[in-house]
Amino acid sequence: MKKVFLVTGLILLTAVSFGQKKEIKKAEKAVKSGDYTEAMTLLSQAEPMLGSAETDEKVSFYVTRAEARMNNLSSDFAALSKAGSDLQKALEIDPGASKDSRYSDAVTILKSKMEQMAIKDFRSKDYKSAAGKYFAIYSASKQDTIFLANAAISAKNAQDYETAITYYETLLDVGYTDIKEQYVATSMETGMEEVFDTKTQRDLMVKGGSHIKPVTRNSPSKQEDFLNDLTVMYAETGNSEKALTLLKKLRSTNPNDAGLIRAEADLQYKMGNSAKYQELISELISKDPNNPELYFNLGVTSNKSGNTEKAMEYYKKALELDPNYVGANINMASMILDMQPPLVTEMNGLGTSNADYKRYDILKAKLTEIQRSSIPYLEAAVRLRPEDIDFARTLMNIYTQVGEDAKATAMKAKVEALEGGE
């Protein structure tokens, strides 16, 4: 009886295996004929028996299911992602499957369909969704790191910095550079170099005589761009030390890059390192001495550190280079008017003695001098920001205080007009 039982078991096992193979073959035929629903039904029947299948049958099962999932007209991105998982499973079972034309065709079609959906999301500015789709494509075909790069850029645009950082770090770990061959020739008409999509296209233009000096060169590496993006995102997510480490790494290879110096200066400022910030901005000024923004920035940090005299020097230098620099005009006016409160407090605390009256007159003269010195900067602010009622109201009050009655009346009319438009 024992021998009969074993033989029966072997017969049962063979029958199950044969039935499984038959269902997979039927599913393959259904896919070829475009009946993807029937294919999925047949594969569902075969799946419980998959554990006992041969390697080639398992690979065929997953590739066929991927084909059925991705070719169905109603397939959404979730179905395509499942198809990607099926293809990945086939590759795990047999790494040699990647050499099979059927497998590679399926991967190509899948990537194309998924990429179209990702591009649509990106163009409609749904960056978070685009990031997820690009990463899913990368997960289905990890040798195509360009999709991971697109996922990283999309996540950054979505301000999903934690996710973007993970993607960027992976790109750097795998050594992704996005360096491509560029097919270049010089236009006879403009004298400028032009980059062509293909060597054939470039060579045709040269042969036709419209272009000369054909050269092939590599495009710049994207790694520096990635490092710059990472620096910003580290800073945004509170990882300032990581950002600083990256910046120093970048600056070690490009010590004179003004953009990198500025980036480190901004980061040092965010970290509260005002002295280092000023040192770096001063370095920038030595490279770009006619840039008013640099002096303005030094004015801001000097004022914050309590060095108001130095701050005013920097603001005046910025205005010397650009009289219409609105921020410098506003900050100069603000700093000058900030000198008023101590004088006003002392004036209000004086008594009625002759000495107090004399002191009051001295303080009043100083106050008027301060107010008058703010007028040119306030007038510039009102001229440059004509819709800002606060500047107009402040200037009106200053005119009144210093006895400029006609100007005060004109500014009052402007304030009332602005109030009517609110």
Protein backbone atom coordinates (compact mmCIF):
# COMPACT_ATOMS: atom_id res chain seq x y z
CA MET A 1 0.00 0.00 0.00
CA LYS A 2 2.89 2.37 0.80
CA LYS A 3 4.39 1.96 -2.69
CA VAL A 4 1.03 2.54 -4.33
CA PHE A 5 0.56 5.73 -2.26
CA LEU A 6 3.97 7.10 -3.31
CA VAL A 7 3.35 6.37 -6.96
CA THR A 8 -0.04 8.04 -6.72
CA GLY A 9 1.59 11.07 -5.11
CA LEU A 10 4.09 11.32 -7.94
CA ILE A 11 1.32 11.11 -10.49
CA LEU A 12 -0.59 13.87 -8.65
CA LEU A 13 2.49 16.10 -8.52
CA THR A 14 3.11 15.65 -12.23
CA ALA A 15 -0.51 16.39 -13.02
CA VAL A 16 -0.45 19.59 -10.95
CA SER A 17 2.79 20.73 -12.60
CA PHE A 18 1.42 20.00 -16.06
CA GLY A 19 -1.80 21.88 -15.28
CA GLN A 20 0.15 24.86 -14.04
CA LYS A 21 2.30 24.98 -17.17
CA LYS A 22 -0.82 24.73 -19.29
CA GLU A 23 -2.45 27.71 -17.52
CA ILE A 24 0.67 29.86 -17.96
CA LYS A 25 0.84 28.98 -21.68
CA LYS A 26 -2.84 29.84 -22.08
CA ALA A 27 -2.21 33.15 -20.31
CA GLU A 28 0.66 33.92 -22.69
CA LYS A 29 -1.64 33.31 -25.66
CA ALA A 30 -4.34 35.48 -24.09
CA VAL A 31 -1.84 38.34 -23.72
CA LYS A 32 -0.78 37.99 -27.36
CA SER A 33 -4.41 38.14 -28.46
CA GLY A 34 -5.08 41.18 -26.26
CA ASP A 35 -7.40 39.43 -23.80
CA TYR A 36 -5.69 40.69 -20.66
CA THR A 37 -8.60 39.97 -18.33
CA GLU A 38 -8.59 36.30 -19.37
CA ALA A 39 -4.83 36.22 -18.93
CA MET A 40 -5.13 37.50 -15.35
CA THR A 41 -7.81 34.89 -14.59
CA LEU A 42 -5.61 32.06 -15.88
CA LEU A 43 -2.60 33.32 -13.96
CA SER A 44 -4.65 33.52 -10.77
CA GLN A 45 -5.46 29.83 -11.21
CA ALA A 46 -1.79 28.98 -11.73
CA GLU A 47 -0.41 31.08 -8.86
CA PRO A 48 -1.23 28.70 -5.96
CA MET A 49 0.88 25.99 -7.69
CA LEU A 50 3.83 28.31 -8.43
CA GLY A 51 5.97 27.03 -5.57
CA SER A 52 6.59 23.70 -7.31
CA ALA A 53 7.22 25.22 -10.76
CA GLU A 54 10.50 25.20 -12.63
CA THR A 55 12.54 28.41 -12.76
CA ASP A 56 11.64 29.18 -16.38
CA GLU A 57 7.94 28.69 -15.62
CA LYS A 58 8.12 31.09 -12.67
CA VAL A 59 9.86 33.70 -14.81
CA SER A 60 7.25 33.23 -17.55
CA PHE A 61 4.47 33.61 -14.97
CA TYR A 62 5.73 36.96 -13.68
CA VAL A 63 6.61 38.36 -17.09
CA THR A 64 3.20 37.34 -18.47
CA ARG A 65 1.41 38.91 -15.52
CA ALA A 66 3.43 42.09 -15.96
CA GLU A 67 2.44 42.21 -19.63
CA ALA A 68 -1.22 41.71 -18.79
CA ARG A 69 -1.19 44.38 -16.08
CA MET A 70 0.54 47.07 -18.07
CA ASN A 71 -1.26 46.57 -21.39
CA ASN A 72 -4.78 46.74 -20.01
CA LEU A 73 -6.31 50.02 -21.18
CA SER A 74 -7.77 50.61 -17.72
CA SER A 75 -4.36 50.25 -16.06
CA ASP A 76 -3.56 53.07 -13.67
CA PHE A 77 -0.18 53.78 -12.15
CA ALA A 78 -0.81 51.35 -9.29
CA ALA A 79 -1.29 48.54 -11.81
CA LEU A 80 1.87 49.59 -13.62
CA SER A 81 3.77 49.55 -10.32
CA LYS A 82 2.57 46.00 -9.71
CA ALA A 83 3.78 45.10 -13.20
CA GLY A 84 7.14 46.55 -12.25
CA SER A 85 7.20 44.39 -9.12
CA ASP A 86 6.44 41.33 -11.25
CA LEU A 87 9.36 42.07 -13.57
CA GLN A 88 11.63 42.64 -10.60
CA LYS A 89 10.50 39.30 -9.16
CA ALA A 90 11.28 37.56 -12.46
CA LEU A 91 14.77 39.04 -12.36
CA GLU A 92 15.30 37.91 -8.77
CA ILE A 93 14.32 34.35 -9.71
CA ASP A 94 16.61 34.33 -12.74
CA PRO A 95 19.06 37.24 -13.25
CA GLY A 96 19.60 35.91 -16.77
CA ALA A 97 16.04 36.92 -17.65
CA SER A 98 17.30 40.42 -18.40
CA LYS A 99 18.93 39.06 -21.57
CA ASP A 100 15.63 37.71 -22.87
CA SER A 101 14.06 39.94 -25.52
CA ARG A 102 10.56 39.41 -24.16
CA TYR A 103 11.62 40.57 -20.70
CA SER A 104 13.54 43.59 -22.01
CA ASP A 105 10.64 44.57 -24.28
CA ALA A 106 8.29 44.44 -21.30
CA VAL A 107 10.62 46.65 -19.25
CA THR A 108 10.91 49.18 -22.10
CA ILE A 109 7.14 49.40 -22.57
CA LEU A 110 6.53 49.64 -18.83
CA LYS A 111 9.07 52.44 -18.33
CA SER A 112 7.59 54.37 -21.25
CA LYS A 113 4.04 54.15 -19.89
CA MET A 114 5.09 55.06 -16.35
CA GLU A 115 7.29 57.91 -17.54
CA GLN A 116 4.44 59.45 -19.53
CA MET A 117 2.34 59.58 -16.36
CA ALA A 118 5.23 61.03 -14.34
CA ILE A 119 5.91 63.70 -16.97
CA LYS A 120 2.23 64.65 -16.99
CA ASP A 121 2.29 65.15 -13.21
CA PHE A 122 5.53 67.14 -13.37
CA ARG A 123 4.22 69.44 -16.10
CA SER A 124 1.04 70.08 -14.13
CA LYS A 125 3.26 70.92 -11.10
CA ASP A 126 2.03 67.94 -9.09
CA TYR A 127 5.61 67.37 -8.04
CA LYS A 128 4.90 65.06 -5.10
CA SER A 129 3.01 62.64 -7.33
CA ALA A 130 5.70 62.92 -10.02
CA ALA A 131 8.38 62.07 -7.45
CA GLY A 132 6.52 58.91 -6.42
CA LYS A 133 6.08 57.83 -10.02
CA TYR A 134 9.70 58.45 -11.01
CA PHE A 135 10.90 56.54 -7.97
CA ALA A 136 8.60 53.64 -8.86
CA ILE A 137 10.15 53.54 -12.35
CA TYR A 138 13.61 53.53 -10.81
CA SER A 139 12.58 50.72 -8.46
CA ALA A 140 11.48 48.66 -11.45
CA SER A 141 14.74 49.27 -13.31
CA LYS A 142 17.50 50.30 -10.92
CA GLN A 143 20.15 50.62 -13.58
CA ASP A 144 18.21 53.62 -14.93
CA THR A 145 19.37 56.10 -12.30
CA ILE A 146 18.09 59.04 -14.35
CA PHE A 147 14.63 58.23 -12.99
CA LEU A 148 15.98 58.48 -9.44
CA ALA A 149 17.44 61.87 -10.39
CA ASN A 150 14.02 62.96 -11.69
CA ALA A 151 12.42 61.68 -8.48
CA ALA A 152 14.91 63.72 -6.44
CA ILE A 153 14.26 66.91 -8.42
CA SER A 154 10.48 66.40 -8.20
CA ALA A 155 10.60 65.81 -4.44
CA LYS A 156 12.72 68.95 -4.01
CA ASN A 157 10.22 70.97 -6.05
CA ALA A 158 7.44 69.58 -3.86
CA GLN A 159 9.46 70.80 -0.83
CA ASP A 160 9.43 67.22 0.44
CA TYR A 161 13.00 67.70 1.54
CA GLU A 162 13.36 64.58 3.67
CA THR A 163 12.46 62.37 0.70
CA ALA A 164 14.54 64.44 -1.71
CA ILE A 165 17.58 64.19 0.58
CA THR A 166 17.30 60.40 0.60
CA TYR A 167 17.18 60.30 -3.20
CA TYR A 168 20.06 62.75 -3.64
CA GLU A 169 22.23 60.86 -1.16
CA THR A 170 21.54 57.63 -3.07
CA LEU A 171 22.53 59.33 -6.34
CA LEU A 172 25.83 60.42 -4.84
CA ASP A 173 26.42 56.97 -3.33
CA VAL A 174 26.03 55.26 -6.72
CA GLY A 175 28.23 57.87 -8.41
CA TYR A 176 25.52 59.28 -10.69
CA THR A 177 26.82 62.20 -12.78
CA ASP A 178 24.46 62.39 -15.80
CA ILE A 179 27.51 62.99 -17.99
CA LYS A 180 26.50 62.56 -21.63
CA GLU A 181 28.31 62.81 -24.93
CA GLN A 182 27.50 66.10 -26.63
CA TYR A 183 27.70 66.47 -30.40
CA VAL A 184 28.79 70.03 -31.07
CA ALA A 185 29.44 72.15 -34.16
CA THR A 186 29.84 75.87 -34.81
CA SER A 187 27.16 77.68 -36.82
CA MET A 188 28.52 79.54 -39.85
CA GLU A 189 25.70 82.09 -39.52
CA THR A 190 26.08 83.05 -35.85
CA GLY A 191 29.59 81.86 -35.02
CA MET A 192 28.13 80.19 -31.91
CA GLU A 193 28.47 76.56 -30.91
CA GLU A 194 25.33 74.41 -31.10
CA VAL A 195 24.66 71.05 -29.45
CA PHE A 196 22.87 68.37 -31.51
CA ASP A 197 20.86 65.43 -30.23
CA THR A 198 22.76 62.87 -32.29
CA LYS A 199 26.08 62.52 -34.07
CA THR A 200 24.24 61.82 -37.32
CA GLN A 201 22.32 65.08 -37.11
CA ARG A 202 25.48 67.05 -36.33
CA ASP A 203 27.43 65.42 -39.16
CA LEU A 204 24.65 66.15 -41.66
CA MET A 205 24.74 69.86 -40.77
CA VAL A 206 28.52 69.92 -41.17
CA LYS A 207 28.28 68.09 -44.50
CA GLY A 208 25.63 70.56 -45.67
CA GLY A 209 28.00 73.46 -44.99
CA SER A 210 25.90 75.29 -42.39
CA HIS A 211 28.23 74.26 -39.55
CA ILE A 212 31.96 73.76 -39.03
CA LYS A 213 34.38 72.52 -36.35
CA PRO A 214 32.57 69.35 -35.26
CA VAL A 215 33.63 68.14 -31.81
CA THR A 216 32.37 65.56 -29.35
CA ARG A 217 32.68 66.35 -25.66
CA ASN A 218 31.18 65.31 -22.36
CA SER A 219 28.47 67.38 -20.70
CA PRO A 220 29.30 68.78 -17.23
CA SER A 221 28.74 66.50 -14.24
CA LYS A 222 25.54 67.10 -12.28
CA GLN A 223 27.18 66.15 -8.98
CA GLU A 224 27.96 69.73 -8.04
CA ASP A 225 24.33 70.69 -8.68
CA PHE A 226 23.22 67.81 -6.46
CA LEU A 227 25.60 68.89 -3.71
CA ASN A 228 24.31 72.46 -3.94
CA ASP A 229 20.71 71.25 -3.72
CA LEU A 230 21.59 68.99 -0.79
CA THR A 231 23.23 71.89 1.01
CA VAL A 232 20.06 73.96 0.76
CA MET A 233 17.84 71.07 1.86
CA TYR A 234 20.07 70.14 4.78
CA ALA A 235 19.83 73.74 5.94
CA GLU A 236 16.03 73.79 5.46
CA THR A 237 15.63 70.62 7.53
CA GLY A 238 17.91 71.76 10.34
CA ASN A 239 20.95 69.70 9.31
CA SER A 240 23.18 72.77 9.19
CA GLU A 241 26.38 70.92 10.08
CA LYS A 242 25.87 68.49 7.19
CA ALA A 243 25.22 71.43 4.89
CA LEU A 244 28.39 73.16 6.08
CA THR A 245 30.45 70.01 5.55
CA LEU A 246 29.18 69.72 1.98
CA LEU A 247 29.85 73.38 1.25
CA LYS A 248 33.40 73.12 2.48
CA LYS A 249 33.87 70.07 0.28
CA LEU A 250 32.59 72.02 -2.71
CA ARG A 251 34.71 75.06 -1.91
CA SER A 252 37.84 72.94 -1.60
CA THR A 253 37.59 72.24 -5.34
CA ASN A 254 36.18 75.66 -6.31
CA PRO A 255 37.59 78.13 -3.76
CA ASN A 256 36.83 81.22 -5.86
CA ASP A 257 33.27 80.32 -6.83
CA ALA A 258 31.20 83.34 -5.75
CA GLY A 259 28.00 81.28 -5.59
CA LEU A 260 29.55 78.83 -3.14
CA ILE A 261 31.00 81.62 -1.00
CA ARG A 262 27.56 83.25 -0.89
CA ALA A 263 25.91 79.93 -0.02
CA GLU A 264 28.30 79.38 2.88
CA ALA A 265 27.79 82.97 4.02
CA ASP A 266 24.00 82.54 4.03
CA LEU A 267 24.33 79.29 5.96
CA GLN A 268 26.68 80.84 8.53
CA TYR A 269 24.13 83.63 8.96
CA LYS A 270 21.32 81.14 9.55
CA MET A 271 23.50 79.36 12.11
CA GLY A 272 24.03 82.64 13.96
CA ASN A 273 27.71 82.97 13.06
CA SER A 274 27.65 86.70 12.23
CA ALA A 275 31.43 87.15 12.36
CA LYS A 276 32.01 84.34 9.85
CA TYR A 277 29.19 85.69 7.71
CA GLN A 278 30.80 89.11 7.55
CA GLU A 279 34.17 87.56 6.75
CA LEU A 280 32.68 85.69 3.79
CA ILE A 281 30.72 88.70 2.52
CA SER A 282 33.90 90.77 2.74
CA GLU A 283 35.59 88.09 0.64
CA LEU A 284 32.80 88.45 -1.91
CA ILE A 285 33.19 92.23 -1.93
CA SER A 286 36.86 91.84 -2.77
CA LYS A 287 35.76 89.88 -5.84
CA ASP A 288 32.78 92.10 -6.68
CA PRO A 289 33.37 95.55 -5.15
CA ASN A 290 30.55 97.29 -7.02
CA ASN A 291 27.74 95.04 -5.81
CA PRO A 292 25.41 97.11 -3.54
CA GLU A 293 23.64 94.01 -2.23
CA LEU A 294 26.82 92.80 -0.54
CA TYR A 295 27.21 96.07 1.37
CA PHE A 296 23.53 96.01 2.26
CA ASN A 297 23.92 92.51 3.72
CA LEU A 298 26.89 93.63 5.79
CA GLY A 299 24.77 96.52 7.02
CA VAL A 300 22.04 94.14 8.18
CA THR A 301 24.42 91.91 10.14
CA SER A 302 26.33 94.86 11.61
CA ASN A 303 23.08 96.37 12.86
CA LYS A 304 21.95 93.06 14.36
CA SER A 305 25.24 92.74 16.20
CA GLY A 306 24.76 96.25 17.66
CA ASN A 307 27.32 98.06 15.52
CA THR A 308 24.95 100.73 14.20
CA GLU A 309 27.71 103.10 13.09
CA LYS A 310 29.28 100.42 10.89
CA ALA A 311 25.84 99.40 9.62
CA MET A 312 25.17 102.95 8.44
CA GLU A 313 28.52 103.02 6.66
CA TYR A 314 27.59 99.89 4.73
CA TYR A 315 24.09 101.18 3.89
CA LYS A 316 25.56 104.46 2.65
CA LYS A 317 28.04 102.55 0.50
CA ALA A 318 25.19 100.50 -0.98
CA LEU A 319 23.32 103.73 -1.78
CA GLU A 320 26.44 105.28 -3.25
CA LEU A 321 26.49 102.38 -5.72
CA ASP A 322 22.71 102.34 -6.21
CA PRO A 323 20.70 105.34 -4.91
CA ASN A 324 17.48 103.46 -5.66
CA TYR A 325 18.32 100.46 -3.46
CA VAL A 326 15.04 100.51 -1.57
CA GLY A 327 16.12 98.26 1.31
CA ALA A 328 19.11 100.46 2.12
CA ASN A 329 16.94 103.61 2.06
CA ILE A 330 14.36 102.02 4.35
CA ASN A 331 16.92 100.69 6.81
CA MET A 332 18.79 104.00 6.94
CA ALA A 333 15.55 105.85 7.72
CA SER A 334 14.63 103.27 10.34
CA MET A 335 18.02 103.41 12.08
CA ILE A 336 17.98 107.22 12.14
CA LEU A 337 14.47 107.36 13.58
CA ASP A 338 15.46 104.77 16.20
CA MET A 339 17.63 107.53 17.71
CA GLN A 340 14.50 109.47 18.75
CA PRO A 341 13.14 107.55 21.78
CA PRO A 342 15.97 108.31 24.26
CA LEU A 343 15.74 112.03 23.45
CA VAL A 344 11.94 112.07 23.72
CA THR A 345 12.08 110.20 27.05
CA GLU A 346 14.57 112.69 28.47
CA MET A 347 12.57 115.67 27.19
CA ASN A 348 9.39 114.35 28.78
CA GLY A 349 11.19 113.90 32.10
CA LEU A 350 12.43 117.47 32.38
CA GLY A 351 11.01 119.92 34.91
CA THR A 352 10.34 123.69 34.75
CA SER A 353 13.65 125.11 35.91
CA ASN A 354 15.70 127.40 33.65
CA ALA A 355 18.31 124.64 33.31
CA ASP A 356 15.60 122.19 32.25
CA TYR A 357 14.27 124.64 29.64
CA LYS A 358 17.78 125.07 28.22
CA ARG A 359 18.28 121.31 28.16
CA TYR A 360 14.91 120.88 26.47
CA ASP A 361 15.89 123.31 23.69
CA ILE A 362 19.16 121.44 23.11
CA LEU A 363 17.36 118.09 22.93
CA LYS A 364 14.65 119.53 20.68
CA ALA A 365 17.29 120.77 18.24
CA LYS A 366 18.94 117.36 18.22
CA LEU A 367 15.58 115.68 17.66
CA THR A 368 14.78 117.98 14.75
CA GLU A 369 18.21 117.32 13.25
CA ILE A 370 17.62 113.56 13.48
CA GLN A 371 14.20 113.86 11.90
CA ARG A 372 15.50 116.03 9.07
CA SER A 373 18.33 113.60 8.35
CA SER A 374 15.79 110.80 7.85
CA ILE A 375 13.81 112.74 5.22
CA PRO A 376 15.94 111.96 2.12
CA TYR A 377 15.73 108.24 2.84
CA LEU A 378 11.99 108.34 3.57
CA GLU A 379 11.38 110.36 0.40
CA ALA A 380 13.27 107.73 -1.59
CA ALA A 381 11.26 104.96 0.08
CA VAL A 382 7.97 106.68 -0.80
CA ARG A 383 9.15 107.25 -4.38
CA LEU A 384 10.28 103.64 -4.78
CA ARG A 385 7.29 102.13 -2.95
CA PRO A 386 4.46 104.56 -3.83
CA GLU A 387 1.72 102.18 -2.70
CA ASP A 388 3.12 101.65 0.80
CA ILE A 389 1.00 103.75 3.15
CA ASP A 390 3.29 103.25 6.17
CA PHE A 391 6.21 105.04 4.52
CA ALA A 392 3.91 107.87 3.37
CA ARG A 393 2.39 108.26 6.83
CA THR A 394 5.80 108.30 8.53
CA LEU A 395 7.09 110.94 6.10
CA MET A 396 3.93 113.03 6.65
CA ASN A 397 4.51 112.99 10.41
CA ILE A 398 8.19 113.91 10.03
CA TYR A 399 7.31 116.83 7.74
CA THR A 400 4.86 118.02 10.40
CA GLN A 401 7.42 117.68 13.21
CA VAL A 402 10.09 119.72 11.41
CA GLY A 403 7.68 122.43 10.21
CA GLU A 404 7.55 121.51 6.52
CA ASP A 405 3.86 122.38 6.38
CA ALA A 406 3.37 122.45 2.61
CA LYS A 407 5.05 119.08 2.18
CA ALA A 408 3.11 117.69 5.14
CA THR A 409 -0.17 118.78 3.51
CA ALA A 410 0.78 117.18 0.19
CA MET A 411 1.80 113.95 1.90
CA LYS A 412 -1.42 113.96 3.93
CA ALA A 413 -3.37 114.02 0.67
CA LYS A 414 -1.35 111.05 -0.55
CA VAL A 415 -2.01 109.15 2.67
CA GLU A 416 -5.75 109.83 2.43
CA ALA A 417 -5.75 108.66 -1.19
CA LEU A 418 -4.00 105.45 -0.19
CA GLU A 419 -6.40 104.95 2.72
CA GLY A 420 -9.31 105.33 0.32
CA GLY A 421 -7.88 102.57 -1.84
CA GLU A 422 -7.48 100.08 1.00
